[in-house]
């Protein structure tokens, strides 16, 4: 039996808007974000991917949602998320973060602080699906 250890949190891979959604509005790309794969495996049609995501001050993930579940932890800095209803969730270093799946859970992650934001993120996704589906701003502003 394979053992999977979970260490992490939220984040984002970039998928061109044309492959995600055919709509007149444009997706919002990530800005000043870098991700490194720590581990990856596929078991019974499910991808388990752990990444370290760094967002520089002023950077963001872009508006997106996940096809699967996301679990993570804020290692350094502060993560500010805006949800589709424009509400704001602030998670300082040490906070656990989860993201539900599907297009009803659109959000954006931002680094509004003065230091790099470092997240450890675990994605549990259907095999072969992207870690994030880019979408247009739902009307909350940049």
C-alpha atoms as a PDB file:
ATOM      1  CA  UNK A   1       0.000   0.000   0.000  1.00  0.00           C
ATOM      2  CA  UNK A   2       1.325   3.404  -0.915  1.00  0.00           C
ATOM      3  CA  UNK A   3       1.564   6.039   1.824  1.00  0.00           C
ATOM      4  CA  UNK A   4       1.048   9.673   0.902  1.00  0.00           C
ATOM      5  CA  UNK A   5       2.144  12.371   3.368  1.00  0.00           C
ATOM      6  CA  UNK A   6       0.453  15.767   3.153  1.00  0.00           C
ATOM      7  CA  UNK A   7       2.353  18.886   3.951  1.00  0.00           C
ATOM      8  CA  UNK A   8       0.693  21.733   2.153  1.00  0.00           C
ATOM      9  CA  UNK A   9      -1.763  24.363   0.520  1.00  0.00           C
ATOM     10  CA  UNK A  10      -3.334  26.537  -2.267  1.00  0.00           C
ATOM     11  CA  UNK A  11      -2.138  27.544  -5.618  1.00  0.00           C
ATOM     12  CA  UNK A  12      -2.197  27.518  -9.211  1.00  0.00           C
ATOM     13  CA  UNK A  13      -1.043  26.241 -12.555  1.00  0.00           C
ATOM     14  CA  UNK A  14      -1.775  28.303 -15.623  1.00  0.00           C
ATOM     15  CA  UNK A  15      -4.032  27.013 -18.393  1.00  0.00           C
ATOM     16  CA  UNK A  16      -4.822  29.150 -21.432  1.00  0.00           C
ATOM     17  CA  UNK A  17      -8.327  30.584 -21.192  1.00  0.00           C
ATOM     18  CA  UNK A  18      -9.183  29.166 -24.616  1.00  0.00           C
ATOM     19  CA  UNK A  19      -8.854  25.608 -23.290  1.00  0.00           C
ATOM     20  CA  UNK A  20     -10.960  26.282 -20.205  1.00  0.00           C
ATOM     21  CA  UNK A  21     -13.878  28.409 -21.200  1.00  0.00           C
ATOM     22  CA  UNK A  22     -15.308  29.910 -24.330  1.00  0.00           C
ATOM     23  CA  UNK A  23     -16.510  33.311 -23.167  1.00  0.00           C
ATOM     24  CA  UNK A  24     -16.095  36.884 -24.307  1.00  0.00           C
ATOM     25  CA  UNK A  25     -14.345  37.903 -21.058  1.00  0.00           C
ATOM     26  CA  UNK A  26     -10.656  37.153 -20.667  1.00  0.00           C
ATOM     27  CA  UNK A  27      -9.100  35.045 -17.943  1.00  0.00           C
ATOM     28  CA  UNK A  28      -6.840  36.795 -15.459  1.00  0.00           C
ATOM     29  CA  UNK A  29      -3.330  35.341 -15.586  1.00  0.00           C
ATOM     30  CA  UNK A  30      -1.105  34.864 -12.558  1.00  0.00           C
ATOM     31  CA  UNK A  31       1.484  37.579 -11.896  1.00  0.00           C
ATOM     32  CA  UNK A  32       4.891  37.171 -10.195  1.00  0.00           C
ATOM     33  CA  UNK A  33       4.195  33.570  -9.187  1.00  0.00           C
ATOM     34  CA  UNK A  34       6.502  30.558  -9.293  1.00  0.00           C
ATOM     35  CA  UNK A  35       5.731  26.919  -8.470  1.00  0.00           C
ATOM     36  CA  UNK A  36       8.064  23.975  -7.887  1.00  0.00           C
ATOM     37  CA  UNK A  37       6.761  20.394  -7.832  1.00  0.00           C
ATOM     38  CA  UNK A  38       7.891  18.655  -4.634  1.00  0.00           C
ATOM     39  CA  UNK A  39       6.177  15.318  -5.291  1.00  0.00           C
ATOM     40  CA  UNK A  40       3.707  13.809  -7.710  1.00  0.00           C
ATOM     41  CA  UNK A  41       1.994  10.446  -8.062  1.00  0.00           C
ATOM     42  CA  UNK A  42      -1.128   8.984  -9.603  1.00  0.00           C
ATOM     43  CA  UNK A  43      -3.130   6.310  -7.791  1.00  0.00           C
ATOM     44  CA  UNK A  44      -6.389   4.823  -9.086  1.00  0.00           C
ATOM     45  CA  UNK A  45      -7.066   7.696 -11.504  1.00  0.00           C
ATOM     46  CA  UNK A  46      -6.273  10.468  -9.021  1.00  0.00           C
ATOM     47  CA  UNK A  47      -3.252  12.800  -9.170  1.00  0.00           C
ATOM     48  CA  UNK A  48      -1.607  13.724  -5.857  1.00  0.00           C
ATOM     49  CA  UNK A  49       0.664  16.717  -6.400  1.00  0.00           C
ATOM     50  CA  UNK A  50       2.556  18.751  -3.810  1.00  0.00           C
ATOM     51  CA  UNK A  51       4.019  22.111  -4.826  1.00  0.00           C
ATOM     52  CA  UNK A  52       5.864  24.956  -3.198  1.00  0.00           C
ATOM     53  CA  UNK A  53       4.337  28.153  -4.554  1.00  0.00           C
ATOM     54  CA  UNK A  54       6.003  31.540  -4.158  1.00  0.00           C
ATOM     55  CA  UNK A  55       4.152  34.760  -4.915  1.00  0.00           C
ATOM     56  CA  UNK A  56       6.234  37.920  -4.890  1.00  0.00           C
ATOM     57  CA  UNK A  57       4.905  41.138  -3.276  1.00  0.00           C
ATOM     58  CA  UNK A  58       2.154  42.537  -5.496  1.00  0.00           C
ATOM     59  CA  UNK A  59       1.704  39.186  -7.267  1.00  0.00           C
ATOM     60  CA  UNK A  60      -1.391  37.034  -7.609  1.00  0.00           C
ATOM     61  CA  UNK A  61      -2.631  33.674  -8.833  1.00  0.00           C
ATOM     62  CA  UNK A  62      -5.208  35.160 -11.187  1.00  0.00           C
ATOM     63  CA  UNK A  63      -8.886  34.233 -10.862  1.00  0.00           C
ATOM     64  CA  UNK A  64      -9.365  30.466 -11.005  1.00  0.00           C
ATOM     65  CA  UNK A  65     -11.015  27.367  -9.578  1.00  0.00           C
ATOM     66  CA  UNK A  66      -9.871  23.778  -9.046  1.00  0.00           C
ATOM     67  CA  UNK A  67     -11.308  20.571 -10.518  1.00  0.00           C
ATOM     68  CA  UNK A  68     -10.285  18.717  -7.346  1.00  0.00           C
ATOM     69  CA  UNK A  69      -9.556  19.572  -3.713  1.00  0.00           C
ATOM     70  CA  UNK A  70      -6.632  21.707  -2.561  1.00  0.00           C
ATOM     71  CA  UNK A  71      -5.067  21.693   0.903  1.00  0.00           C
ATOM     72  CA  UNK A  72      -2.124  23.784   2.011  1.00  0.00           C
ATOM     73  CA  UNK A  73      -0.300  25.865   4.532  1.00  0.00           C
ATOM     74  CA  UNK A  74       1.044  29.407   4.438  1.00  0.00           C
ATOM     75  CA  UNK A  75       4.762  28.951   5.210  1.00  0.00           C
ATOM     76  CA  UNK A  76       5.841  32.607   4.954  1.00  0.00           C
ATOM     77  CA  UNK A  77       4.066  35.907   4.377  1.00  0.00           C
ATOM     78  CA  UNK A  78       0.301  36.452   4.233  1.00  0.00           C
ATOM     79  CA  UNK A  79      -2.158  35.069   1.688  1.00  0.00           C
ATOM     80  CA  UNK A  80      -5.126  37.286   0.855  1.00  0.00           C
ATOM     81  CA  UNK A  81      -7.902  35.541  -1.088  1.00  0.00           C
ATOM     82  CA  UNK A  82     -10.918  37.127  -2.688  1.00  0.00           C
ATOM     83  CA  UNK A  83     -13.850  34.840  -3.364  1.00  0.00           C
ATOM     84  CA  UNK A  84     -16.412  35.089  -6.186  1.00  0.00           C
ATOM     85  CA  UNK A  85     -18.747  37.092  -3.905  1.00  0.00           C
ATOM     86  CA  UNK A  86     -15.851  39.588  -3.459  1.00  0.00           C
ATOM     87  CA  UNK A  87     -15.402  38.669   0.219  1.00  0.00           C
ATOM     88  CA  UNK A  88     -11.832  38.630   1.517  1.00  0.00           C
ATOM     89  CA  UNK A  89     -10.070  35.902   3.527  1.00  0.00           C
ATOM     90  CA  UNK A  90      -6.666  36.706   5.061  1.00  0.00           C
ATOM     91  CA  UNK A  91      -4.361  33.838   6.075  1.00  0.00           C
ATOM     92  CA  UNK A  92      -1.073  34.672   7.852  1.00  0.00           C
ATOM     93  CA  UNK A  93       1.966  32.391   8.117  1.00  0.00           C
ATOM     94  CA  UNK A  94       1.077  29.111   9.807  1.00  0.00           C
ATOM     95  CA  UNK A  95      -2.514  29.105   8.544  1.00  0.00           C
ATOM     96  CA  UNK A  96      -4.038  26.076   6.877  1.00  0.00           C
ATOM     97  CA  UNK A  97      -5.950  26.731   3.661  1.00  0.00           C
ATOM     98  CA  UNK A  98      -8.439  24.566   1.777  1.00  0.00           C
ATOM     99  CA  UNK A  99     -10.184  25.113  -1.529  1.00  0.00           C
ATOM    100  CA  UNK A 100     -13.327  23.318  -2.633  1.00  0.00           C
ATOM    101  CA  UNK A 101     -13.631  22.063  -6.188  1.00  0.00           C
ATOM    102  CA  UNK A 102     -15.622  23.287  -9.150  1.00  0.00           C
ATOM    103  CA  UNK A 103     -16.606  26.492 -10.924  1.00  0.00           C
ATOM    104  CA  UNK A 104     -18.796  27.561  -7.990  1.00  0.00           C
ATOM    105  CA  UNK A 105     -15.608  28.134  -5.964  1.00  0.00           C
ATOM    106  CA  UNK A 106     -13.832  30.821  -7.991  1.00  0.00           C
ATOM    107  CA  UNK A 107     -11.154  32.796  -6.140  1.00  0.00           C
ATOM    108  CA  UNK A 108      -7.872  34.682  -6.474  1.00  0.00           C
ATOM    109  CA  UNK A 109      -4.854  34.514  -4.171  1.00  0.00           C
ATOM    110  CA  UNK A 110      -2.760  37.652  -3.676  1.00  0.00           C
ATOM    111  CA  UNK A 111       0.364  38.757  -1.879  1.00  0.00           C
ATOM    112  CA  UNK A 112      -0.415  42.245  -0.605  1.00  0.00           C
ATOM    113  CA  UNK A 113       2.500  42.190   1.851  1.00  0.00           C
ATOM    114  CA  UNK A 114       6.108  43.409   1.623  1.00  0.00           C
ATOM    115  CA  UNK A 115       7.773  39.946   1.615  1.00  0.00           C
ATOM    116  CA  UNK A 116       7.431  36.873  -0.626  1.00  0.00           C
ATOM    117  CA  UNK A 117       4.452  34.614   0.143  1.00  0.00           C
ATOM    118  CA  UNK A 118       5.421  30.930   0.307  1.00  0.00           C
ATOM    119  CA  UNK A 119       2.763  28.220   0.240  1.00  0.00           C
ATOM    120  CA  UNK A 120       3.004  24.436   0.354  1.00  0.00           C
ATOM    121  CA  UNK A 121       0.028  23.129  -1.584  1.00  0.00           C
ATOM    122  CA  UNK A 122      -1.427  19.638  -2.099  1.00  0.00           C
ATOM    123  CA  UNK A 123      -3.682  19.047  -5.086  1.00  0.00           C
ATOM    124  CA  UNK A 124      -5.965  16.011  -5.221  1.00  0.00           C
ATOM    125  CA  UNK A 125      -7.243  16.124  -8.779  1.00  0.00           C
ATOM    126  CA  UNK A 126      -8.714  13.792 -11.390  1.00  0.00           C
ATOM    127  CA  UNK A 127      -5.733  12.288 -13.247  1.00  0.00           C
ATOM    128  CA  UNK A 128      -4.446  14.570 -15.990  1.00  0.00           C
ATOM    129  CA  UNK A 129      -6.519  17.610 -15.071  1.00  0.00           C
ATOM    130  CA  UNK A 130      -4.832  20.985 -14.552  1.00  0.00           C
ATOM    131  CA  UNK A 131      -4.241  22.172 -11.014  1.00  0.00           C
ATOM    132  CA  UNK A 132      -6.298  25.300 -11.768  1.00  0.00           C
ATOM    133  CA  UNK A 133      -8.813  26.482 -14.356  1.00  0.00           C
ATOM    134  CA  UNK A 134      -8.324  30.174 -15.213  1.00  0.00           C
ATOM    135  CA  UNK A 135     -11.485  32.293 -15.345  1.00  0.00           C
ATOM    136  CA  UNK A 136     -12.390  35.963 -15.814  1.00  0.00           C
ATOM    137  CA  UNK A 137     -12.738  38.293 -12.824  1.00  0.00           C
ATOM    138  CA  UNK A 138     -16.320  37.728 -11.545  1.00  0.00           C
ATOM    139  CA  UNK A 139     -16.725  41.497 -11.072  1.00  0.00           C
ATOM    140  CA  UNK A 140     -14.627  42.123  -7.961  1.00  0.00           C
ATOM    141  CA  UNK A 141     -11.910  44.170  -9.668  1.00  0.00           C
ATOM    142  CA  UNK A 142      -8.173  43.589  -9.878  1.00  0.00           C
END
